[in-house]
Protein backbone atom coordinates (compact mmCIF):
# COMPACT_ATOMS: atom_id res chain seq x y z
CA MET A 1 33.06 -2.69 -14.34
CA ILE A 2 31.58 0.85 -14.52
CA GLY A 3 30.53 -0.57 -18.75
CA LEU A 4 29.04 -3.92 -17.07
CA ARG A 5 27.44 -2.28 -14.45
CA GLY A 6 25.57 0.24 -16.62
CA ALA A 7 24.56 -2.54 -19.29
CA TRP A 8 22.82 -4.53 -16.53
CA ARG A 9 21.30 -1.20 -15.08
CA ARG A 10 19.87 -0.89 -18.79
CA ARG A 11 18.90 -4.53 -18.90
CA LYS A 12 17.01 -4.14 -15.86
CA ALA A 13 15.50 -1.40 -16.26
CA TRP A 14 13.86 -2.58 -20.40
CA LEU A 15 13.07 -5.53 -18.09
CA PHE A 16 10.70 -3.78 -15.29
CA ALA A 17 9.61 -1.24 -18.09
CA LEU A 18 8.28 -4.49 -20.36
CA LEU A 19 6.72 -5.68 -16.83
CA MET A 20 5.28 -2.22 -15.86
CA ILE A 21 3.57 -2.28 -19.43
CA LEU A 22 1.51 -5.18 -18.92
CA LEU A 23 0.56 -3.75 -15.18
CA VAL A 24 -0.63 -0.43 -17.22
CA SER A 25 -2.45 -2.08 -19.66
CA MET A 26 -4.60 -3.62 -17.24
CA ALA A 27 -4.51 -0.46 -14.97
CA THR A 28 -7.18 2.58 -14.91
CA THR A 29 -4.98 5.61 -13.72
CA THR A 30 -7.39 8.49 -11.56
CA GLN A 31 -5.57 11.69 -11.93
CA ILE A 32 -6.53 13.23 -8.27
CA SER A 33 -6.77 17.11 -7.87
CA ILE A 34 -6.90 18.95 -4.79
CA GLY A 35 -9.37 18.12 -2.39
CA ASN A 36 -10.17 18.25 1.76
CA ALA A 37 -8.70 16.23 4.03
CA LYS A 38 -9.94 14.71 6.91
CA SER A 39 -8.88 14.43 10.11
CA PRO A 40 -4.84 14.50 9.24
CA GLU A 41 -3.04 12.55 11.96
CA ARG A 42 -0.73 14.39 14.14
CA LEU A 43 3.17 14.64 14.58
CA ALA A 44 3.51 13.94 18.24
CA PRO A 45 6.51 15.38 20.94
CA SER A 46 9.06 13.47 22.43
CA SER A 47 12.65 14.32 23.49
CA GLY A 48 15.01 15.01 20.70
CA ALA A 49 15.12 17.12 17.67
CA ASN A 50 12.32 18.20 15.90
CA TYR A 51 8.97 16.93 17.68
CA TYR A 52 5.87 18.33 17.25
CA ASN A 53 2.68 18.51 19.62
CA GLY A 54 0.18 15.84 18.48
CA GLY A 55 -3.31 15.01 18.72
CA ALA A 56 -4.97 11.33 20.09
CA SER A 57 -3.38 8.78 17.16
CA TRP A 58 -0.98 6.15 17.84
CA GLY A 59 1.81 5.00 15.22
CA ALA A 60 3.68 2.23 14.77
CA GLY A 61 6.31 1.35 11.92
CA LEU A 62 9.62 1.45 10.39
CA VAL A 63 12.62 4.42 11.09
CA VAL A 64 15.48 4.54 8.31
CA PRO A 65 18.26 6.15 9.92
CA GLU A 66 21.20 8.17 7.73
CA GLY A 67 23.42 5.13 6.43
CA SER A 68 21.15 1.95 6.59
CA GLN A 69 21.99 -0.51 4.10
CA THR A 70 20.58 -1.41 0.74
CA ALA A 71 20.25 -4.45 -1.20
CA ASN A 72 23.12 -3.69 -3.77
CA GLY A 73 25.58 -2.99 -0.58
CA GLY A 74 25.00 0.83 -0.96
CA ARG A 75 24.35 3.07 1.78
CA VAL A 76 20.89 5.41 2.73
CA ASP A 77 22.37 9.55 2.11
CA TRP A 78 18.89 10.83 2.67
CA ALA A 79 20.20 14.74 1.50
CA ASP A 80 20.56 12.73 -2.06
CA VAL A 81 16.99 10.58 -1.85
CA GLN A 82 14.53 11.68 -4.38
CA ASN A 83 12.27 8.27 -4.44
CA VAL A 84 10.50 6.47 -1.64
CA SER A 85 8.72 3.15 -2.61
CA VAL A 86 6.99 0.97 -0.21
CA LEU A 87 5.15 -2.24 -0.96
CA PHE A 88 2.32 -3.67 1.62
CA ARG A 89 -0.91 -5.81 2.18
CA LEU A 90 -3.51 -3.66 3.66
CA PRO A 91 -4.74 -4.69 7.00
CA ASP A 92 -7.88 -7.07 6.67
CA ILE A 93 -10.03 -4.78 8.08
CA ASN A 94 -13.14 -3.04 6.73
CA GLU A 95 -14.98 -1.14 9.47
CA THR A 96 -13.84 1.01 11.90
CA ASP A 97 -14.98 3.66 14.11
CA GLY A 98 -11.69 6.03 13.89
CA THR A 99 -9.61 6.84 10.87
CA ILE A 100 -6.52 3.85 10.05
CA TYR A 101 -4.02 4.82 7.72
CA MET A 102 -1.04 2.60 6.18
CA ILE A 103 1.20 5.87 6.10
CA ILE A 104 4.72 7.34 4.42
CA SER A 105 6.17 10.44 5.88
CA LEU A 106 9.06 12.38 4.78
CA MET A 107 10.91 15.45 6.31
CA THR A 108 12.54 17.92 3.49
CA SER A 109 15.39 20.00 4.50
CA ASN A 110 13.61 22.53 6.16
CA GLY A 111 11.40 20.94 8.30
CA SER A 112 8.33 20.49 6.53
CA ILE A 113 6.44 17.31 6.33
CA ILE A 114 4.70 15.34 3.39
CA GLN A 115 3.03 12.11 3.93
CA ALA A 116 0.52 10.09 1.57
CA ALA A 117 -1.67 6.92 2.90
CA ALA A 118 -3.97 4.22 2.55
CA GLY A 119 -7.07 5.20 4.68
CA LEU A 120 -10.04 3.68 6.38
CA TYR A 121 -12.38 6.38 7.21
CA PRO A 122 -15.28 5.48 9.63
CA ASN A 123 -18.79 4.63 7.50
CA SER A 124 -16.80 3.09 5.07
CA SER A 125 -15.87 -0.66 3.69
CA TYR A 126 -12.70 0.57 1.15
CA TRP A 127 -9.30 2.16 1.94
CA GLY A 128 -8.91 5.38 0.10
CA THR A 129 -5.83 7.55 -1.06
CA TYR A 130 -4.74 10.60 1.21
CA ALA A 131 -2.26 12.91 1.23
CA MET A 132 -1.67 16.23 2.92
CA TYR A 133 1.83 18.32 3.98
CA ILE A 134 2.79 20.39 6.81
CA ALA A 135 5.04 23.37 5.46
CA ASN A 136 4.99 24.43 9.41
CA PRO A 137 5.10 21.76 11.66
CA ALA A 138 5.19 24.01 15.15
CA ARG A 139 1.95 24.96 14.29
CA GLN A 140 0.85 22.00 12.73
CA VAL A 141 -1.04 23.26 9.70
CA TYR A 142 -2.19 21.10 7.04
CA THR A 143 -2.27 21.43 3.98
CA PRO A 144 -4.63 18.69 1.61
CA ILE A 145 -3.75 16.95 -1.66
CA ILE A 146 -6.19 14.20 -1.81
CA SER A 147 -9.19 13.24 0.06
CA THR A 148 -10.72 10.25 -2.22
CA GLU A 149 -11.71 7.09 -1.80
CA ASP A 150 -10.79 6.52 -5.42
CA PRO A 151 -9.52 3.82 -6.06
CA CYS A 152 -11.63 2.42 -3.97
CA MET A 153 -8.91 -0.39 -2.04
CA ALA A 154 -10.59 -3.71 -0.81
CA PRO A 155 -9.07 -4.80 2.85
CA GLY A 156 -6.13 -7.18 2.18
CA ASP A 157 -5.43 -5.66 -1.30
CA LEU A 158 -1.31 -5.43 -2.40
CA VAL A 159 -0.49 -1.87 -2.55
CA THR A 160 2.47 -0.31 -3.43
CA MET A 161 2.67 3.67 -2.93
CA SER A 162 5.58 6.05 -3.90
CA ILE A 163 6.43 9.71 -3.04
CA TYR A 164 9.28 11.02 -5.47
CA PHE A 165 10.47 14.42 -7.08
CA LEU A 166 10.75 15.63 -9.95
CA PRO A 167 12.11 19.05 -11.00
CA ASP A 168 8.76 20.30 -13.02
CA SER A 169 6.41 19.35 -10.33
CA GLY A 170 8.44 18.89 -7.17
CA TRP A 171 7.06 16.29 -4.97
CA ASN A 172 4.62 13.92 -6.15
CA LEU A 173 2.44 10.68 -5.15
CA LEU A 174 1.81 7.48 -7.35
CA LEU A 175 -0.16 4.61 -5.36
CA LEU A 176 -1.44 1.68 -7.40
CA ASP A 177 -3.71 -1.05 -5.56
CA LEU A 178 -1.85 -4.36 -7.40
CA THR A 179 -4.83 -6.32 -6.59
CA ASN A 180 -7.11 -4.41 -9.13
CA GLY A 181 -5.16 -2.52 -11.29
CA LEU A 182 -6.43 0.71 -10.47
CA SER A 183 -3.94 3.75 -9.57
CA ALA A 184 -4.03 7.53 -8.03
CA SER A 185 -1.61 10.53 -8.47
CA ALA A 186 -0.88 13.87 -7.47
CA SER A 187 1.42 16.32 -6.84
CA PHE A 188 2.26 18.26 -3.46
CA GLY A 189 2.83 21.35 -5.49
CA PRO A 190 5.58 23.96 -5.48
CA GLY A 191 7.55 25.49 -2.68
CA LEU A 192 8.76 22.75 -0.91
CA PRO A 193 12.56 21.91 -0.78
CA ALA A 194 13.97 19.42 -3.26
CA SER A 195 15.94 17.40 -0.93
CA LEU A 196 14.95 15.79 2.09
CA LYS A 197 16.79 16.03 6.15
CA VAL A 198 19.32 13.74 7.24
CA GLY A 199 18.08 11.92 10.56
CA ASP A 200 16.41 8.88 11.23
CA GLN A 201 13.31 9.14 9.18
CA PHE A 202 9.74 7.42 10.50
CA VAL A 203 8.98 6.42 6.73
CA PHE A 204 6.51 4.06 7.04
CA ALA A 205 3.71 3.19 9.99
CA LEU A 206 0.73 1.87 10.68
CA GLU A 207 -1.38 4.83 12.22
CA SER A 208 -4.72 4.86 13.83
CA TYR A 209 -7.54 6.95 15.70
CA THR A 210 -8.89 4.09 17.27
CA SER A 211 -7.35 1.77 19.62
CA THR A 212 -11.11 -0.57 19.43
CA LEU A 213 -9.79 -4.05 20.13
CA SER A 214 -12.84 -5.69 17.78
CA VAL A 215 -11.68 -3.69 14.77
CA PHE A 216 -8.30 -4.87 14.87
CA GLU A 217 -8.68 -8.83 16.14
CA ASN A 218 -8.93 -10.02 12.64
CA MET A 219 -7.33 -7.71 10.47
CA GLY A 220 -4.63 -11.02 9.89
CA ASN A 221 -1.18 -10.13 9.17
CA VAL A 222 -0.42 -6.52 7.87
CA THR A 223 2.85 -6.72 6.05
CA LEU A 224 5.62 -4.30 4.58
CA TYR A 225 7.55 -6.27 1.99
CA ALA A 226 9.99 -3.90 1.13
CA LEU A 227 10.62 -0.35 1.52
CA LEU A 228 13.01 1.07 -1.85
CA ILE A 229 15.27 4.01 -1.49
CA ASN A 230 15.73 5.42 -4.78
CA GLY A 231 15.13 2.51 -6.15
CA GLU A 232 17.30 0.60 -3.66
CA ALA A 233 15.62 -2.22 -1.36
CA VAL A 234 16.73 -1.13 2.38
CA MET A 235 17.86 -4.42 4.27
CA SER A 236 19.75 -3.61 7.72
CA GLY A 237 20.04 -0.75 9.63
CA SER A 238 16.36 0.45 10.45
CA TYR A 239 14.40 -0.04 13.14
CA LEU A 240 11.19 -0.27 14.77
CA TYR A 241 9.65 2.88 16.64
CA SER A 242 6.09 2.74 18.21
CA GLY A 243 6.85 4.87 21.60
CA TRP A 244 9.17 6.98 23.30
CA ASN A 245 12.73 4.98 23.18
CA ASN A 246 15.70 7.35 25.12
CA LEU A 247 18.16 5.16 22.76
CA ARG A 248 16.27 6.46 19.38
CA TYR A 249 15.46 9.56 18.26
CA PRO A 250 13.46 10.17 15.03
CA LEU A 251 13.11 13.33 13.13
CA PHE A 252 9.45 13.06 14.04
CA ILE A 253 7.10 10.90 15.18
CA VAL A 254 3.54 9.91 13.76
CA GLY A 255 1.14 9.70 16.13
CA GLY A 256 1.86 10.24 20.03
CA ALA A 257 -0.72 8.32 21.94
CA SER A 258 0.29 4.77 23.24
CA VAL A 259 0.02 2.08 21.19
CA PRO A 260 -2.36 -0.53 22.31
CA ASN A 261 -0.56 -3.99 24.03
CA PHE A 262 -2.63 -6.02 21.56
CA MET A 263 -0.66 -4.61 18.43
CA ALA A 264 2.55 -6.86 17.87
CA MET A 265 5.32 -5.81 15.12
CA ASN A 266 8.20 -7.86 14.28
CA LEU A 267 11.17 -6.92 11.51
CA THR A 268 11.47 -9.75 8.58
CA ALA A 269 14.68 -10.77 7.57
CA SER A 270 14.23 -8.74 4.44
CA GLY A 271 13.83 -5.45 6.06
CA GLY A 272 10.01 -5.65 5.93
CA VAL A 273 7.85 -5.49 8.45
CA VAL A 274 4.78 -7.42 9.85
CA TRP A 275 1.98 -5.85 12.36
CA SER A 276 -0.53 -8.54 13.77
CA TYR A 277 -2.85 -8.53 16.62
CA ARG A 278 -1.75 -9.92 19.66
CA SER A 279 -4.34 -12.28 21.80
CA GLN A 280 -4.68 -11.43 25.53
CA TRP A 281 -2.26 -14.03 26.22
CA GLY A 282 0.42 -12.48 24.67
CA SER A 283 1.18 -14.75 21.53
CA PRO A 284 0.52 -12.98 18.28
CA SER A 285 -2.45 -14.02 16.18
CA SER A 286 -1.65 -16.35 12.85
CA GLY A 287 -2.19 -15.51 9.38
CA PRO A 288 -1.51 -16.39 6.33
CA ALA A 289 2.39 -15.91 5.22
CA ALA A 290 3.04 -14.95 1.63
CA GLY A 291 4.70 -17.27 -0.26
CA LEU A 292 8.29 -16.40 -2.41
CA ASP A 293 6.67 -16.27 -5.44
CA LEU A 294 4.29 -13.26 -4.26
CA ILE A 295 7.06 -11.50 -2.73
CA PHE A 296 9.11 -11.55 -5.95
CA LEU A 297 6.31 -10.58 -7.91
CA ALA A 298 5.15 -8.16 -5.78
CA LEU A 299 9.11 -6.48 -6.04
CA ALA A 300 9.12 -6.81 -9.37
CA ALA A 301 6.18 -4.83 -9.57
CA ALA A 302 7.27 -2.18 -6.80
CA ALA A 303 10.54 -2.04 -9.01
CA ALA A 304 8.82 -1.35 -12.24
CA VAL A 305 6.83 1.36 -10.48
CA ASN A 306 10.20 2.92 -9.98
CA VAL A 307 11.08 2.48 -13.75
CA VAL A 308 7.76 4.38 -14.47
CA ILE A 309 9.12 7.03 -12.08
CA LEU A 310 12.73 7.08 -13.62
CA VAL A 311 10.75 7.95 -16.93
CA LEU A 312 9.16 10.55 -15.44
CA LEU A 313 12.43 12.11 -14.14
CA ILE A 314 14.45 12.05 -17.61
CA TRP A 315 11.35 13.43 -19.09
CA SER A 316 10.88 15.99 -16.98
CA ARG A 317 14.76 17.08 -17.27
CA SER A 318 14.90 16.52 -21.33
CA LYS A 319 12.08 19.45 -20.72
CA ALA A 320 14.10 21.66 -18.53
CA LYS A 321 17.12 21.48 -20.96
CA GLU A 322 15.09 22.14 -24.22
CA ARG A 323 13.77 25.55 -22.15
CA LEU A 324 17.05 26.22 -21.25
CA SER A 325 18.35 26.03 -25.28
CA VAL A 326 15.81 27.60 -26.64
CA ARG A 327 16.37 30.48 -24.06
């Protein structure tokens, strides 16, 4: 069985690699250098372990505990995770009076927080790429990594975003807008631990510095189609979080302010999330449902991005071995 499993994995890798070649042939990659982040979101306090004082943003999203089940029947082991990828559709919002993020957040083994996001800022109609890390969350000191409108992502675009670890460069970000074929990448730099903290990680959230009703009422169905950990989709065990819960204790909270009552959030059967605007009568607004063909294509694209990350990892390790042999 081991031999057959290895052969199948190699075959899948080649299939996904071929798909990625097609994607990359249509894409323009922009290597982003360190910039100045604007108004980064805050991590908020609550009871439980490792909560931190926060600002005025609110966050609603998906928490993945240790032991959550993946598509291949495995379990999430956060200490062994080196690649977290999400596939999502941006909100249909092109104007805001406060920053809005679709954001990945991860806590490393020493308590540092690394974050990457697609974000919409006031006075902008396009979503950009933003990232930062907090080496000492207790002091809320943010180190910016990316603050750019490149690539310019339109409201409603389909996006895949990954945070992954390479021995040579540490933690990295890769964002690909599948709608326009543009991408951005960057390294968080040295100094962050290679392993993540075991516990309930608040992995992905819609975070906002505004609660203005008119900003969200036409946003449509904002969908997280898949969350992949080490290349495998998380199918069960995760839970929704949008405020204090005395039965659930994430390692940290994104946001901290009260989530507005017009924001609805639901888990999907495939382990994803749908955020939607709830009218004053209490029912979520309707939005176009994604067809299976779109979901499968999008999942294949997200998996292809993971193949690229795997190739980078193998290349990085081979370079390290070469250096050792030279010595």
